[in-house]
Amino acid sequence: MSAIKDGRLPIELNGKEFHLLFSLNVLDEMQDRFGGFDTLAEVLSGKESIKNLRWLLTLLLNEGAGDDEEPLTEKQVGHMIHTGNFDEVRTAIFRAFAMGNSGTAEPPAVKDEEDEDGEEEKNAAAGKA
């Protein structure tokens, strides 16, 4: 996948390309719901991880959508996530966060799967510094 030069991260769901955008609006919503964005790794791996992932993915997809696109509901987004792509979606959320946190328009390089968990936690912790 190639990144659009506006900070959105492309993701394919159900054979269609969508875009994730980790904007200030998303950070504000996360702060209201989770107390801050520095808890990203925790909220996507804890007891409520499935609900949190669906909510956050809906928010990111709607933020990254074009002006002419209808907003998606959590139920619609829930239909796009399954056990076969759950980890891919979770990784895309962390990559979108890394792009938003670093202010770059290019997604970070993908590392080996065994490195991803540690990198995700570092990206989520970046907001603490």
Protein backbone atom coordinates (compact mmCIF):
# COMPACT_ATOMS: atom_id res chain seq x y z
CA MET A 1 0.00 0.00 0.00
CA SER A 2 1.21 3.50 -0.68
CA ALA A 3 0.56 6.44 1.59
CA ILE A 4 -1.36 9.45 0.43
CA LYS A 5 0.76 12.55 1.08
CA ASP A 6 -1.68 14.06 3.56
CA GLY A 7 -0.93 11.93 6.61
CA ARG A 8 -3.60 9.32 5.98
CA LEU A 9 -2.64 5.66 6.12
CA PRO A 10 -4.30 3.40 3.56
CA ILE A 11 -5.85 0.14 4.71
CA GLU A 12 -7.77 -2.45 2.74
CA LEU A 13 -10.91 -3.85 4.33
CA ASN A 14 -13.33 -6.16 2.49
CA GLY A 15 -11.51 -5.50 -0.78
CA LYS A 16 -11.93 -1.71 -0.57
CA GLU A 17 -9.28 0.87 0.26
CA PHE A 18 -9.98 3.15 3.20
CA HIS A 19 -7.73 5.63 5.01
CA LEU A 20 -6.89 6.11 8.68
CA LEU A 21 -6.08 9.56 10.00
CA PHE A 22 -4.81 10.14 13.53
CA SER A 23 -5.68 13.81 13.86
CA LEU A 24 -6.09 16.18 16.78
CA ASN A 25 -9.81 15.37 16.68
CA VAL A 26 -9.03 11.69 17.28
CA LEU A 27 -6.60 12.50 20.09
CA ASP A 28 -9.28 14.65 21.75
CA GLU A 29 -11.83 11.83 21.52
CA MET A 30 -9.29 9.34 22.88
CA GLN A 31 -8.52 11.62 25.80
CA ASP A 32 -12.21 11.79 26.66
CA ARG A 33 -12.68 8.02 26.40
CA PHE A 34 -9.36 6.61 27.69
CA GLY A 35 -7.85 9.48 29.65
CA GLY A 36 -5.12 10.04 27.06
CA PHE A 37 -3.48 8.60 24.00
CA ASP A 38 -0.55 7.20 25.97
CA THR A 39 -2.75 4.22 26.90
CA LEU A 40 -3.18 3.06 23.29
CA ALA A 41 -1.30 -0.25 23.68
CA GLU A 42 -3.21 -1.02 26.88
CA VAL A 43 -6.69 -0.28 25.52
CA LEU A 44 -6.08 -2.37 22.40
CA SER A 45 -4.91 -5.39 24.36
CA GLY A 46 -6.96 -5.30 27.55
CA LYS A 47 -10.35 -6.64 28.56
CA GLU A 48 -12.28 -4.26 26.30
CA SER A 49 -9.84 -4.51 23.38
CA ILE A 50 -12.39 -5.59 20.77
CA LYS A 51 -14.86 -2.82 21.62
CA ASN A 52 -12.03 -0.29 21.83
CA LEU A 53 -10.56 -1.38 18.50
CA ARG A 54 -13.92 -1.14 16.74
CA TRP A 55 -14.61 2.31 18.24
CA LEU A 56 -11.15 3.65 17.44
CA LEU A 57 -11.08 2.18 13.93
CA THR A 58 -14.46 3.80 13.22
CA LEU A 59 -13.13 7.13 14.42
CA LEU A 60 -9.92 6.84 12.36
CA LEU A 61 -11.75 5.73 9.22
CA ASN A 62 -14.27 8.56 9.47
CA GLU A 63 -11.48 11.08 10.11
CA GLY A 64 -9.56 9.77 7.08
CA ALA A 65 -12.58 9.65 4.78
CA GLY A 66 -13.08 12.09 1.95
CA ASP A 67 -15.59 14.90 2.28
CA ASP A 68 -17.95 13.14 -0.12
CA GLU A 69 -17.97 9.86 1.84
CA GLU A 70 -20.72 8.95 4.28
CA PRO A 71 -19.52 8.38 7.87
CA LEU A 72 -19.32 4.73 8.89
CA THR A 73 -21.06 3.36 11.98
CA GLU A 74 -19.39 1.11 14.52
CA LYS A 75 -21.65 -1.71 13.34
CA GLN A 76 -20.51 -1.28 9.72
CA VAL A 77 -16.87 -1.23 10.81
CA GLY A 78 -17.47 -4.27 13.00
CA HIS A 79 -18.53 -6.19 9.89
CA MET A 80 -15.13 -5.40 8.32
CA ILE A 81 -13.07 -6.80 11.21
CA HIS A 82 -12.64 -10.52 11.82
CA THR A 83 -10.11 -12.86 13.37
CA GLY A 84 -8.27 -13.08 10.06
CA ASN A 85 -7.49 -9.35 9.92
CA PHE A 86 -7.67 -8.30 13.58
CA ASP A 87 -3.88 -8.14 13.99
CA GLU A 88 -3.46 -6.31 10.67
CA VAL A 89 -6.06 -3.72 11.73
CA ARG A 90 -4.44 -3.30 15.12
CA THR A 91 -1.03 -2.81 13.50
CA ALA A 92 -2.50 -0.26 11.07
CA ILE A 93 -3.89 1.72 14.01
CA PHE A 94 -0.43 1.84 15.60
CA ARG A 95 1.13 2.85 12.26
CA ALA A 96 -1.44 5.63 11.82
CA PHE A 97 -0.67 6.79 15.36
CA ALA A 98 3.07 6.80 14.60
CA MET A 99 2.43 8.93 11.50
CA GLY A 100 0.28 11.36 13.46
CA ASN A 101 2.70 11.47 16.37
CA SER A 102 5.75 12.12 14.19
CA GLY A 103 3.99 14.56 11.88
CA THR A 104 5.07 12.71 8.75
CA ALA A 105 2.98 12.02 5.69
CA GLU A 106 4.68 8.65 5.14
CA PRO A 107 3.86 5.52 7.15
CA PRO A 108 6.65 4.01 9.22
CA ALA A 109 8.46 1.03 7.75
CA VAL A 110 6.97 -2.35 8.57
CA LYS A 111 9.25 -4.51 10.70
CA ASP A 112 9.22 -8.23 11.33
CA GLU A 113 6.18 -9.45 13.26
CA GLU A 114 8.21 -10.28 16.35
CA ASP A 115 9.41 -6.66 16.51
CA GLU A 116 5.92 -5.18 16.08
CA ASP A 117 4.66 -5.63 19.64
CA GLY A 118 7.61 -3.78 21.14
CA GLU A 119 7.38 -1.05 18.51
CA GLU A 120 3.64 -0.62 19.12
CA GLU A 121 4.25 -0.11 22.82
CA LYS A 122 7.03 2.40 22.10
CA ASN A 123 4.74 4.33 19.74
CA ALA A 124 1.95 4.40 22.31
CA ALA A 125 4.39 5.50 25.00
CA ALA A 126 5.70 8.33 22.80
CA GLY A 127 2.94 10.58 24.10
CA LYS A 128 4.29 10.25 27.65
CA ALA A 129 7.57 11.99 26.85
